[in-house]
Amino acid sequence: MQSPTPFARIGTRGSLLALAQARLVQTLLSQAHGVAPDDIAIEVISTSGDQTERALADIGGKGLFTKEIDQALLDGVIDIGVHSSKDVATGLPAGMALPVFLEREDVRDAFLSLSVRGIDYLPDGAKFGTSSIRRAAQVRRQRPDLRIVPFRGNVQTRLQKLADGVAEATMLAVAGLNRLGEGHRATAMLDPELFMPAPAQGAIGLAVRQGDDRFANLVAPLNHAPTHAAITAERAMLAVLDGSCRTPVGALSQLDGDRLVLKGEILSLDGQTAFTDMVSGAVGEASDIGTALGRKLLDKAGTQWLAQWAQV
């Protein structure tokens, strides 16, 4: 039975994946602080992103899966927000902090199909399902003949759409499949150098109220320092790019001891133009590394090229 006064209240979306992530946080908190899992409440909050079938890039992009949870946090309805870090806007709401990232799962995307073993084996003109502008651009770069069809919804919904023949193939984050025990659904793992993941993909972030020392201290033991450094760098890169364009963005971090190597790319929507670069440095300089890479990518692309895609 859940305690009348919970030790902590976790806020999450209601999808199976979001609930799996929230239960992981619940378990880790209970272990870290010696309390029963049932004494940590999980509050399900419906978000704007859950209430639409439109492509997120058309209606506001990042933040649509987090803003209602953020507001509940700021209003004191919950104490900890649990987010898929790639959904968190680079500019946090006033009064909110994102101090903790759990150890990162597999960052790669997976190719899924019920008929072929890889993207190269799809027939000419086949339908490829995705509503991600990044994934669509990366697919078009490899296979410009493929037809991109909208493919919104949670993991289960997209798997069902695949079974229903809405598309002949799709891409999903390996991290989400693994957390749901659905890793076996992947037909092939995609090379992250060629299909660069979304910034912060595969990491769970924990939000708390700024200045709320109690809950900041409660979540602190769950922080995974290498993941924190990588996500800090990737979000810093994205913060530079967000202010200038709405083009597809990929990021890939690699850690080697106290060194961090960050690779990034921006693409045209049709995937036919891409700019890539990398910056490395000490882990402790993660934010500076990300900012430097974002600026290098902007310099490579140029303002005129960026402007043409920002208006599409």
Protein backbone atom coordinates (compact mmCIF):
# COMPACT_ATOMS: atom_id res chain seq x y z
CA MET A 1 0.00 0.00 0.00
CA GLN A 2 1.30 3.42 -0.95
CA SER A 3 2.13 5.77 1.93
CA PRO A 4 -0.41 8.65 2.46
CA THR A 5 2.58 11.02 2.37
CA PRO A 6 4.94 9.79 -0.32
CA PHE A 7 8.68 9.97 0.19
CA ALA A 8 8.77 11.56 -3.27
CA ARG A 9 6.38 12.09 -6.18
CA ILE A 10 7.65 11.27 -9.67
CA GLY A 11 6.00 12.83 -12.72
CA THR A 12 5.98 11.00 -16.05
CA ARG A 13 4.12 10.54 -19.31
CA GLY A 14 1.79 7.59 -19.50
CA SER A 15 3.30 5.55 -22.35
CA LEU A 16 4.67 2.11 -21.55
CA LEU A 17 8.19 3.36 -22.19
CA ALA A 18 7.77 6.44 -19.98
CA LEU A 19 6.31 4.30 -17.20
CA ALA A 20 9.19 1.82 -17.51
CA GLN A 21 11.62 4.71 -17.12
CA ALA A 22 9.71 6.09 -14.13
CA ARG A 23 9.68 2.67 -12.45
CA LEU A 24 13.44 2.45 -12.98
CA VAL A 25 13.87 5.79 -11.21
CA GLN A 26 11.50 4.61 -8.47
CA THR A 27 13.60 1.48 -7.93
CA LEU A 28 16.91 3.35 -7.94
CA LEU A 29 15.63 5.94 -5.46
CA SER A 30 14.28 3.25 -3.15
CA GLN A 31 17.63 1.47 -3.21
CA ALA A 32 19.63 4.65 -2.70
CA HIS A 33 17.60 5.80 0.29
CA GLY A 34 16.36 2.56 1.86
CA VAL A 35 12.66 3.20 1.37
CA ALA A 36 9.99 0.93 -0.08
CA PRO A 37 9.31 1.49 -3.78
CA ASP A 38 5.61 1.97 -3.01
CA ASP A 39 6.52 4.97 -0.86
CA ILE A 40 7.63 6.75 -4.03
CA ALA A 41 4.54 7.78 -5.97
CA ILE A 42 4.36 7.80 -9.76
CA GLU A 43 2.04 10.48 -11.15
CA VAL A 44 1.00 10.15 -14.81
CA ILE A 45 0.73 13.46 -16.66
CA SER A 46 -0.62 13.83 -20.19
CA THR A 47 1.52 16.09 -22.37
CA SER A 48 0.87 18.10 -25.53
CA GLY A 49 2.98 15.65 -27.52
CA ASP A 50 0.71 12.80 -26.47
CA GLN A 51 -2.38 14.60 -27.73
CA THR A 52 -1.51 15.09 -31.39
CA GLU A 53 -0.69 13.04 -34.46
CA ARG A 54 1.02 15.97 -36.21
CA ALA A 55 4.78 16.07 -36.71
CA LEU A 56 6.38 17.69 -33.70
CA ALA A 57 8.56 19.95 -35.84
CA ASP A 58 5.36 21.54 -37.20
CA ILE A 59 3.87 22.39 -33.81
CA GLY A 60 6.74 23.43 -31.60
CA GLY A 61 9.27 20.61 -31.54
CA LYS A 62 11.15 20.01 -28.33
CA GLY A 63 9.25 20.55 -25.08
CA LEU A 64 5.92 19.12 -26.23
CA PHE A 65 6.58 15.92 -24.25
CA THR A 66 7.82 17.77 -21.18
CA LYS A 67 6.11 21.11 -20.57
CA GLU A 68 3.10 19.80 -18.62
CA ILE A 69 5.42 17.71 -16.44
CA ASP A 70 7.64 20.76 -15.94
CA GLN A 71 4.63 22.84 -14.92
CA ALA A 72 3.48 20.20 -12.44
CA LEU A 73 6.98 20.28 -10.97
CA LEU A 74 6.99 24.07 -10.66
CA ASP A 75 3.47 24.00 -9.16
CA GLY A 76 4.56 21.50 -6.50
CA VAL A 77 2.25 18.74 -7.75
CA ILE A 78 5.29 16.47 -8.23
CA ASP A 79 8.83 16.57 -6.86
CA ILE A 80 10.85 14.96 -9.67
CA GLY A 81 10.25 15.02 -13.41
CA VAL A 82 11.41 12.01 -15.40
CA HIS A 83 12.25 12.80 -19.03
CA SER A 84 13.73 11.19 -22.10
CA SER A 85 16.57 13.68 -22.37
CA LYS A 86 16.28 14.10 -26.15
CA ASP A 87 12.77 15.55 -25.57
CA VAL A 88 13.95 18.29 -23.20
CA ALA A 89 14.22 21.78 -24.67
CA THR A 90 17.67 23.33 -24.45
CA GLY A 91 16.23 26.36 -22.65
CA LEU A 92 14.77 25.14 -19.36
CA PRO A 93 11.75 26.87 -17.79
CA ALA A 94 12.60 29.42 -15.11
CA GLY A 95 12.82 27.72 -11.74
CA MET A 96 13.67 24.26 -13.09
CA ALA A 97 16.97 22.40 -13.01
CA LEU A 98 18.10 19.22 -14.78
CA PRO A 99 20.95 18.07 -12.53
CA VAL A 100 20.93 14.31 -13.00
CA PHE A 101 21.24 11.89 -15.90
CA LEU A 102 21.02 8.14 -15.38
CA GLU A 103 23.57 5.89 -17.05
CA ARG A 104 22.96 6.02 -20.76
CA GLU A 105 21.49 3.14 -22.70
CA ASP A 106 22.52 2.21 -26.26
CA VAL A 107 22.53 5.45 -28.28
CA ARG A 108 21.94 3.85 -31.68
CA ASP A 109 18.86 3.73 -33.86
CA ALA A 110 17.54 0.38 -35.04
CA PHE A 111 16.14 -0.50 -38.46
CA LEU A 112 12.87 -2.43 -38.25
CA SER A 113 11.12 -4.26 -41.06
CA LEU A 114 8.98 -7.36 -41.42
CA SER A 115 10.12 -7.98 -45.00
CA VAL A 116 13.79 -7.04 -45.51
CA ARG A 117 16.99 -7.22 -43.46
CA GLY A 118 18.28 -3.70 -44.00
CA ILE A 119 17.65 -0.33 -45.61
CA ASP A 120 19.67 -1.29 -48.70
CA TYR A 121 17.27 -4.17 -49.38
CA LEU A 122 14.06 -2.13 -49.53
CA PRO A 123 12.53 -2.06 -53.04
CA ASP A 124 12.60 1.18 -55.03
CA GLY A 125 9.94 3.59 -53.84
CA ALA A 126 9.18 1.66 -50.66
CA LYS A 127 7.40 3.48 -47.83
CA PHE A 128 9.58 4.35 -44.85
CA GLY A 129 7.76 5.43 -41.72
CA THR A 130 9.09 8.23 -39.54
CA SER A 131 8.00 11.64 -38.29
CA SER A 132 11.52 12.60 -37.22
CA ILE A 133 13.11 15.18 -39.56
CA ARG A 134 16.54 13.83 -38.59
CA ARG A 135 15.72 10.22 -39.40
CA ALA A 136 13.92 11.21 -42.61
CA ALA A 137 16.95 13.19 -43.80
CA GLN A 138 19.35 10.38 -42.96
CA VAL A 139 17.18 7.87 -44.80
CA ARG A 140 16.90 10.16 -47.83
CA ARG A 141 20.68 10.60 -47.85
CA GLN A 142 21.07 6.83 -48.20
CA ARG A 143 17.96 6.07 -50.25
CA PRO A 144 16.48 9.17 -51.95
CA ASP A 145 14.00 6.93 -53.78
CA LEU A 146 12.14 5.94 -50.61
CA ARG A 147 8.81 7.54 -49.73
CA ILE A 148 8.69 8.98 -46.20
CA VAL A 149 5.29 8.52 -44.54
CA PRO A 150 4.18 9.93 -41.14
CA PHE A 151 4.76 7.50 -38.26
CA ARG A 152 3.86 9.11 -34.93
CA GLY A 153 2.96 7.29 -31.73
CA ASN A 154 4.59 5.34 -28.93
CA VAL A 155 6.74 2.28 -29.57
CA GLN A 156 3.81 -0.14 -29.53
CA THR A 157 1.77 2.04 -31.88
CA ARG A 158 4.60 2.26 -34.38
CA LEU A 159 5.24 -1.47 -34.23
CA GLN A 160 1.54 -2.03 -34.95
CA LYS A 161 1.64 0.42 -37.87
CA LEU A 162 4.52 -1.58 -39.28
CA ALA A 163 2.52 -4.80 -38.93
CA ASP A 164 -0.49 -3.11 -40.58
CA GLY A 165 1.59 -2.19 -43.63
CA VAL A 166 1.48 1.58 -43.16
CA ALA A 167 5.17 1.42 -44.05
CA GLU A 168 7.62 -1.28 -45.02
CA ALA A 169 10.27 -0.15 -42.56
CA THR A 170 10.96 2.30 -39.77
CA MET A 171 13.64 3.36 -37.28
CA LEU A 172 13.36 3.34 -33.50
CA ALA A 173 15.80 4.14 -30.72
CA VAL A 174 17.49 1.00 -29.44
CA ALA A 175 17.32 2.40 -25.90
CA GLY A 176 13.53 2.47 -25.93
CA LEU A 177 13.27 -1.04 -27.34
CA ASN A 178 15.67 -2.36 -24.70
CA ARG A 179 13.87 -0.67 -21.81
CA LEU A 180 10.63 -2.29 -22.95
CA GLY A 181 12.20 -5.72 -23.38
CA GLU A 182 11.60 -5.42 -27.13
CA GLY A 183 15.20 -5.36 -28.33
CA HIS A 184 14.53 -8.51 -30.36
CA ARG A 185 12.29 -6.45 -32.65
CA ALA A 186 15.31 -4.76 -34.23
CA THR A 187 16.05 -6.11 -37.69
CA ALA A 188 19.46 -4.41 -37.82
CA MET A 189 21.48 -1.97 -35.76
CA LEU A 190 22.39 1.19 -37.66
CA ASP A 191 25.92 2.54 -37.71
CA PRO A 192 25.84 5.64 -35.45
CA GLU A 193 28.51 7.31 -37.58
CA LEU A 194 26.19 7.11 -40.60
CA PHE A 195 22.87 7.45 -38.77
CA MET A 196 23.96 9.83 -36.04
CA PRO A 197 21.58 9.75 -33.05
CA ALA A 198 19.58 12.68 -31.79
CA PRO A 199 21.39 14.78 -29.19
CA ALA A 200 20.88 13.22 -25.73
CA GLN A 201 19.30 10.05 -27.15
CA GLY A 202 19.25 7.09 -24.78
CA ALA A 203 19.58 9.05 -21.52
CA ILE A 204 16.97 9.60 -18.80
CA GLY A 205 17.10 13.05 -17.22
CA LEU A 206 15.71 14.02 -13.81
CA ALA A 207 14.31 17.49 -13.26
CA VAL A 208 13.84 19.20 -9.90
CA ARG A 209 12.94 22.72 -8.75
CA GLN A 210 15.83 25.14 -8.53
CA GLY A 211 16.74 25.77 -4.92
CA ASP A 212 14.95 22.65 -3.66
CA ASP A 213 17.91 21.13 -1.86
CA ARG A 214 15.97 18.19 -0.49
CA PHE A 215 15.07 16.70 -3.83
CA ALA A 216 18.30 17.77 -5.48
CA ASN A 217 20.11 15.74 -2.82
CA LEU A 218 17.70 12.80 -3.21
CA VAL A 219 18.36 12.42 -6.93
CA ALA A 220 22.10 13.18 -6.77
CA PRO A 221 23.19 9.56 -6.08
CA LEU A 222 21.54 8.49 -9.36
CA ASN A 223 23.74 10.74 -11.51
CA HIS A 224 26.14 8.96 -13.89
CA ALA A 225 29.09 11.30 -14.41
CA PRO A 226 30.19 10.09 -17.89
CA THR A 227 26.61 10.32 -19.16
CA HIS A 228 26.22 13.76 -17.58
CA ALA A 229 29.31 15.00 -19.41
CA ALA A 230 28.17 13.60 -22.75
CA ILE A 231 24.65 15.01 -22.46
CA THR A 232 25.98 18.38 -21.32
CA ALA A 233 28.15 18.58 -24.44
CA GLU A 234 25.39 17.47 -26.80
CA ARG A 235 22.84 19.88 -25.33
CA ALA A 236 25.34 22.73 -25.51
CA MET A 237 25.90 21.97 -29.21
CA LEU A 238 22.14 21.88 -29.80
CA ALA A 239 21.64 25.16 -27.93
CA VAL A 240 23.86 26.90 -30.49
CA LEU A 241 22.06 25.28 -33.43
CA ASP A 242 18.55 25.77 -32.08
CA GLY A 243 18.93 29.52 -32.27
CA SER A 244 19.74 29.49 -35.96
CA CYS A 245 17.87 26.75 -37.82
CA ARG A 246 15.35 23.92 -37.71
CA THR A 247 17.44 21.50 -39.74
CA PRO A 248 18.01 17.87 -38.71
CA VAL A 249 20.74 17.55 -36.08
CA GLY A 250 22.74 14.49 -34.99
CA ALA A 251 25.29 14.06 -32.22
CA LEU A 252 27.63 11.30 -31.09
CA SER A 253 29.78 11.40 -27.95
CA GLN A 254 32.66 9.09 -27.17
CA LEU A 255 34.50 9.07 -23.84
CA ASP A 256 38.02 7.79 -23.37
CA GLY A 257 39.12 8.23 -19.79
CA ASP A 258 39.03 11.95 -19.05
CA ARG A 259 38.69 12.87 -22.74
CA LEU A 260 35.45 13.57 -24.54
CA VAL A 261 35.10 13.47 -28.32
CA LEU A 262 31.91 15.01 -29.70
CA LYS A 263 30.86 14.60 -33.32
CA GLY A 264 27.93 16.46 -34.80
CA GLU A 265 26.08 16.95 -38.06
CA ILE A 266 23.39 19.13 -39.57
CA LEU A 267 21.56 18.08 -42.71
CA SER A 268 19.19 19.52 -45.25
CA LEU A 269 15.66 18.14 -45.04
CA ASP A 270 16.23 16.13 -48.21
CA GLY A 271 19.44 14.67 -46.81
CA GLN A 272 21.49 15.66 -49.84
CA THR A 273 23.62 18.22 -48.02
CA ALA A 274 25.32 17.57 -44.70
CA PHE A 275 27.92 19.32 -42.59
CA THR A 276 29.87 17.34 -40.02
CA ASP A 277 32.66 18.17 -37.61
CA MET A 278 34.09 17.17 -34.24
CA VAL A 279 35.64 18.74 -31.16
CA SER A 280 37.45 17.01 -28.31
CA GLY A 281 38.72 18.04 -24.91
CA ALA A 282 38.68 17.28 -21.21
CA VAL A 283 35.46 15.87 -19.78
CA GLY A 284 35.28 18.80 -17.41
CA GLU A 285 34.97 21.13 -20.41
CA ALA A 286 31.90 19.36 -21.82
CA SER A 287 29.79 22.50 -22.18
CA ASP A 288 32.59 24.38 -23.95
CA ILE A 289 33.16 21.41 -26.28
CA GLY A 290 29.51 21.38 -27.30
CA THR A 291 29.36 25.12 -27.82
CA ALA A 292 32.51 25.06 -29.94
CA LEU A 293 31.17 22.27 -32.13
CA GLY A 294 27.85 24.04 -32.63
CA ARG A 295 29.69 27.15 -33.79
CA LYS A 296 31.91 25.17 -36.15
CA LEU A 297 28.87 23.57 -37.76
CA LEU A 298 27.18 26.95 -38.16
CA ASP A 299 30.32 28.39 -39.72
CA LYS A 300 30.55 25.49 -42.16
CA ALA A 301 26.92 25.70 -43.25
CA GLY A 302 26.74 29.48 -43.52
CA THR A 303 23.77 31.71 -42.84
CA GLN A 304 22.34 31.59 -46.37
CA TRP A 305 22.19 27.82 -46.44
CA LEU A 306 20.62 27.69 -42.99
CA ALA A 307 18.03 30.33 -43.86
CA GLN A 308 16.67 28.40 -46.85
CA TRP A 309 15.86 25.36 -44.72
CA ALA A 310 14.57 27.35 -41.74
CA GLN A 311 11.84 28.70 -44.01
CA VAL A 312 10.66 25.32 -45.29
